[in-house]
Amino acid sequence: MDWTEASLETFRYHRHDVQNALQLIRGYIQLNRPNQAIEVVDGLSSWLHSLTLISNLGPEASPWVNAAAQCPHVVLTELSGGRSASLADYEALADSWRWFDGAATEQAIRSAKASVHFFEESPTNTDAFTVDSRFMIRVQSDELTDRFFQHQDNICEAAQHFIFLA
């Protein structure tokens, strides 16, 4: 798939998710449930803000931007470093993001908050699960943490540069 096709596919996913959120907001307003409508607005706003954080890394982060735009259940809340990350790092993050979004969907988790920290070089001493990584992802969801540790071998095959802290 070339860049144009990938961009169109990402746009379609993103548009679909935004449209779903808008329909939920409309429904909650019609049912006179303003608190639920505000929750949807806040969730959508957080997700869009996380896409801004990722896209501010520059065009080389496009694999991660495309994945995050298709993964509304994982919201980036904190980002440190990343300006010197490689394309392979961003592709690994994209694979990890898709996995977490799929797991959140399976667990009926509306939104899992994630923070990402990039290292200048791979850490040598850590209590975390490590596979030759230059970044760390911390996802704030007990259900996803349990699911990750049950399937960590499969994830390592999909994303070779991965660290996870529970």
Protein backbone atom coordinates (compact mmCIF):
# COMPACT_ATOMS: atom_id res chain seq x y z
CA MET A 1 0.00 0.00 0.00
CA ASP A 2 1.49 3.35 -0.99
CA TRP A 3 1.47 6.51 1.10
CA THR A 4 -1.67 7.96 -0.53
CA GLU A 5 -3.69 4.79 0.03
CA ALA A 6 -2.48 4.55 3.63
CA SER A 7 -3.40 8.18 4.25
CA LEU A 8 -6.88 7.69 2.81
CA GLU A 9 -7.43 4.56 4.89
CA THR A 10 -6.31 6.41 8.02
CA PHE A 11 -8.62 9.31 7.20
CA ARG A 12 -11.57 6.93 6.74
CA TYR A 13 -10.96 5.27 10.13
CA HIS A 14 -10.50 8.60 11.84
CA ARG A 15 -13.58 10.16 10.23
CA HIS A 16 -15.64 7.11 11.19
CA ASP A 17 -14.58 7.32 14.84
CA VAL A 18 -15.19 11.07 15.05
CA GLN A 19 -18.59 10.66 13.40
CA ASN A 20 -19.52 7.92 15.89
CA ALA A 21 -18.59 10.22 18.77
CA LEU A 22 -20.70 13.03 17.34
CA GLN A 23 -23.68 10.68 16.98
CA LEU A 24 -23.27 9.60 20.61
CA ILE A 25 -23.18 13.24 21.73
CA ARG A 26 -26.33 14.00 19.75
CA GLY A 27 -28.11 10.97 21.21
CA TYR A 28 -27.15 11.85 24.77
CA ILE A 29 -28.36 15.43 24.26
CA GLN A 30 -31.68 14.19 22.84
CA LEU A 31 -32.06 11.86 25.84
CA ASN A 32 -31.29 14.79 28.17
CA ARG A 33 -28.13 13.11 29.45
CA PRO A 34 -25.65 16.01 29.36
CA ASN A 35 -23.08 14.34 31.65
CA GLN A 36 -22.66 11.42 29.25
CA ALA A 37 -22.43 13.83 26.30
CA ILE A 38 -19.68 15.75 28.11
CA GLU A 39 -17.80 12.49 28.77
CA VAL A 40 -17.84 11.71 25.03
CA VAL A 41 -16.67 15.24 24.19
CA ASP A 42 -13.85 14.97 26.76
CA GLY A 43 -12.80 11.57 25.39
CA LEU A 44 -12.80 12.83 21.81
CA SER A 45 -10.86 15.92 22.83
CA SER A 46 -8.23 13.81 24.64
CA TRP A 47 -7.81 11.51 21.65
CA LEU A 48 -7.44 14.45 19.24
CA HIS A 49 -4.92 16.08 21.58
CA SER A 50 -2.89 12.86 21.65
CA LEU A 51 -2.80 12.88 17.83
CA THR A 52 -1.45 16.42 17.99
CA LEU A 53 1.31 15.37 20.41
CA ILE A 54 2.36 12.56 18.08
CA SER A 55 2.12 14.56 14.85
CA ASN A 56 4.29 17.31 16.36
CA LEU A 57 7.21 14.84 16.24
CA GLY A 58 7.40 15.42 12.49
CA PRO A 59 6.81 13.51 9.26
CA GLU A 60 9.06 10.61 10.25
CA ALA A 61 6.51 9.74 12.97
CA SER A 62 3.80 9.15 10.33
CA PRO A 63 3.53 5.37 10.97
CA TRP A 64 2.65 6.09 14.61
CA VAL A 65 0.36 9.00 13.65
CA ASN A 66 -1.53 6.76 11.21
CA ALA A 67 -1.90 4.00 13.80
CA ALA A 68 -3.00 6.39 16.56
CA ALA A 69 -5.58 7.98 14.24
CA GLN A 70 -7.10 4.50 13.79
CA CYS A 71 -6.95 3.59 17.49
CA PRO A 72 -9.41 5.67 19.49
CA HIS A 73 -9.20 3.48 22.61
CA VAL A 74 -5.56 4.35 23.37
CA VAL A 75 -4.93 7.98 24.27
CA LEU A 76 -1.43 9.43 24.64
CA THR A 77 -1.30 11.49 27.82
CA GLU A 78 2.44 12.08 28.12
CA LEU A 79 5.32 12.07 25.65
CA SER A 80 8.97 12.65 26.40
CA GLY A 81 11.76 12.57 23.84
CA GLY A 82 11.21 11.08 20.42
CA ARG A 83 12.70 13.75 18.19
CA SER A 84 15.67 11.50 17.38
CA ALA A 85 13.70 8.25 17.12
CA SER A 86 14.14 6.08 14.04
CA LEU A 87 11.49 5.02 11.56
CA ALA A 88 11.80 1.49 13.02
CA ASP A 89 10.98 2.89 16.49
CA TYR A 90 7.88 4.66 15.16
CA GLU A 91 6.79 1.53 13.26
CA ALA A 92 7.21 -0.54 16.43
CA LEU A 93 5.14 2.02 18.35
CA ALA A 94 2.46 1.83 15.65
CA ASP A 95 2.32 -1.98 15.98
CA SER A 96 2.11 -1.72 19.77
CA TRP A 97 -0.58 0.97 19.58
CA ARG A 98 -2.72 -1.22 17.31
CA TRP A 99 -2.30 -4.17 19.67
CA PHE A 100 -3.32 -2.13 22.73
CA ASP A 101 -6.31 -0.68 20.88
CA GLY A 102 -7.46 -4.16 19.85
CA ALA A 103 -7.03 -5.45 23.40
CA ALA A 104 -8.95 -2.46 24.78
CA THR A 105 -11.76 -3.12 22.30
CA GLU A 106 -11.90 -6.81 23.31
CA GLN A 107 -11.99 -5.84 27.00
CA ALA A 108 -14.69 -3.17 26.36
CA ILE A 109 -12.34 -0.46 27.66
CA ARG A 110 -13.46 2.87 26.30
CA SER A 111 -10.12 4.63 26.79
CA ALA A 112 -6.72 3.45 28.01
CA LYS A 113 -4.29 6.23 28.85
CA ALA A 114 -0.70 5.74 27.71
CA SER A 115 2.57 7.56 28.23
CA VAL A 116 5.62 7.08 26.01
CA HIS A 117 9.21 7.83 26.92
CA PHE A 118 12.05 7.63 24.40
CA PHE A 119 15.59 6.84 25.55
CA GLU A 120 18.74 8.14 23.88
CA GLU A 121 20.03 4.56 24.05
CA SER A 122 18.53 1.25 25.16
CA PRO A 123 18.33 0.95 28.94
CA THR A 124 20.42 -1.82 30.46
CA ASN A 125 18.98 -2.18 33.96
CA THR A 126 15.24 -2.14 34.32
CA ASP A 127 12.59 -4.14 36.10
CA ALA A 128 10.41 -3.86 33.01
CA PHE A 129 10.01 -6.39 30.26
CA THR A 130 12.60 -5.37 27.66
CA VAL A 131 13.45 -6.30 24.08
CA ASP A 132 16.28 -4.10 22.69
CA SER A 133 14.17 -1.00 23.03
CA ARG A 134 14.63 2.73 22.76
CA PHE A 135 11.20 3.56 24.13
CA MET A 136 8.87 2.65 26.97
CA ILE A 137 5.09 2.55 26.93
CA ARG A 138 3.13 2.70 30.16
CA VAL A 139 -0.57 1.98 29.75
CA GLN A 140 -2.84 2.81 32.68
CA SER A 141 -5.27 -0.08 32.56
CA ASP A 142 -5.14 -3.15 34.79
CA GLU A 143 -7.12 -5.19 32.27
CA LEU A 144 -4.64 -4.41 29.49
CA THR A 145 -1.68 -5.03 31.80
CA ASP A 146 -2.95 -8.54 32.56
CA ARG A 147 -3.67 -9.22 28.90
CA PHE A 148 -0.22 -7.97 27.88
CA PHE A 149 1.60 -10.33 30.19
CA GLN A 150 -0.53 -13.25 28.99
CA HIS A 151 0.44 -12.55 25.35
CA GLN A 152 3.86 -10.88 25.56
CA ASP A 153 5.57 -13.43 23.25
CA ASN A 154 3.14 -12.64 20.42
CA ILE A 155 3.64 -8.92 20.95
CA CYS A 156 7.41 -9.25 20.81
CA GLU A 157 7.14 -10.86 17.40
CA ALA A 158 4.98 -7.96 16.19
CA ALA A 159 6.98 -5.16 17.84
CA GLN A 160 10.62 -5.99 18.43
CA HIS A 161 11.42 -2.68 20.15
CA PHE A 162 9.12 -2.78 23.13
CA ILE A 163 9.22 -2.10 26.85
CA PHE A 164 6.17 -2.24 29.04
CA LEU A 165 5.85 -1.16 32.66
CA ALA A 166 2.85 -2.36 34.59
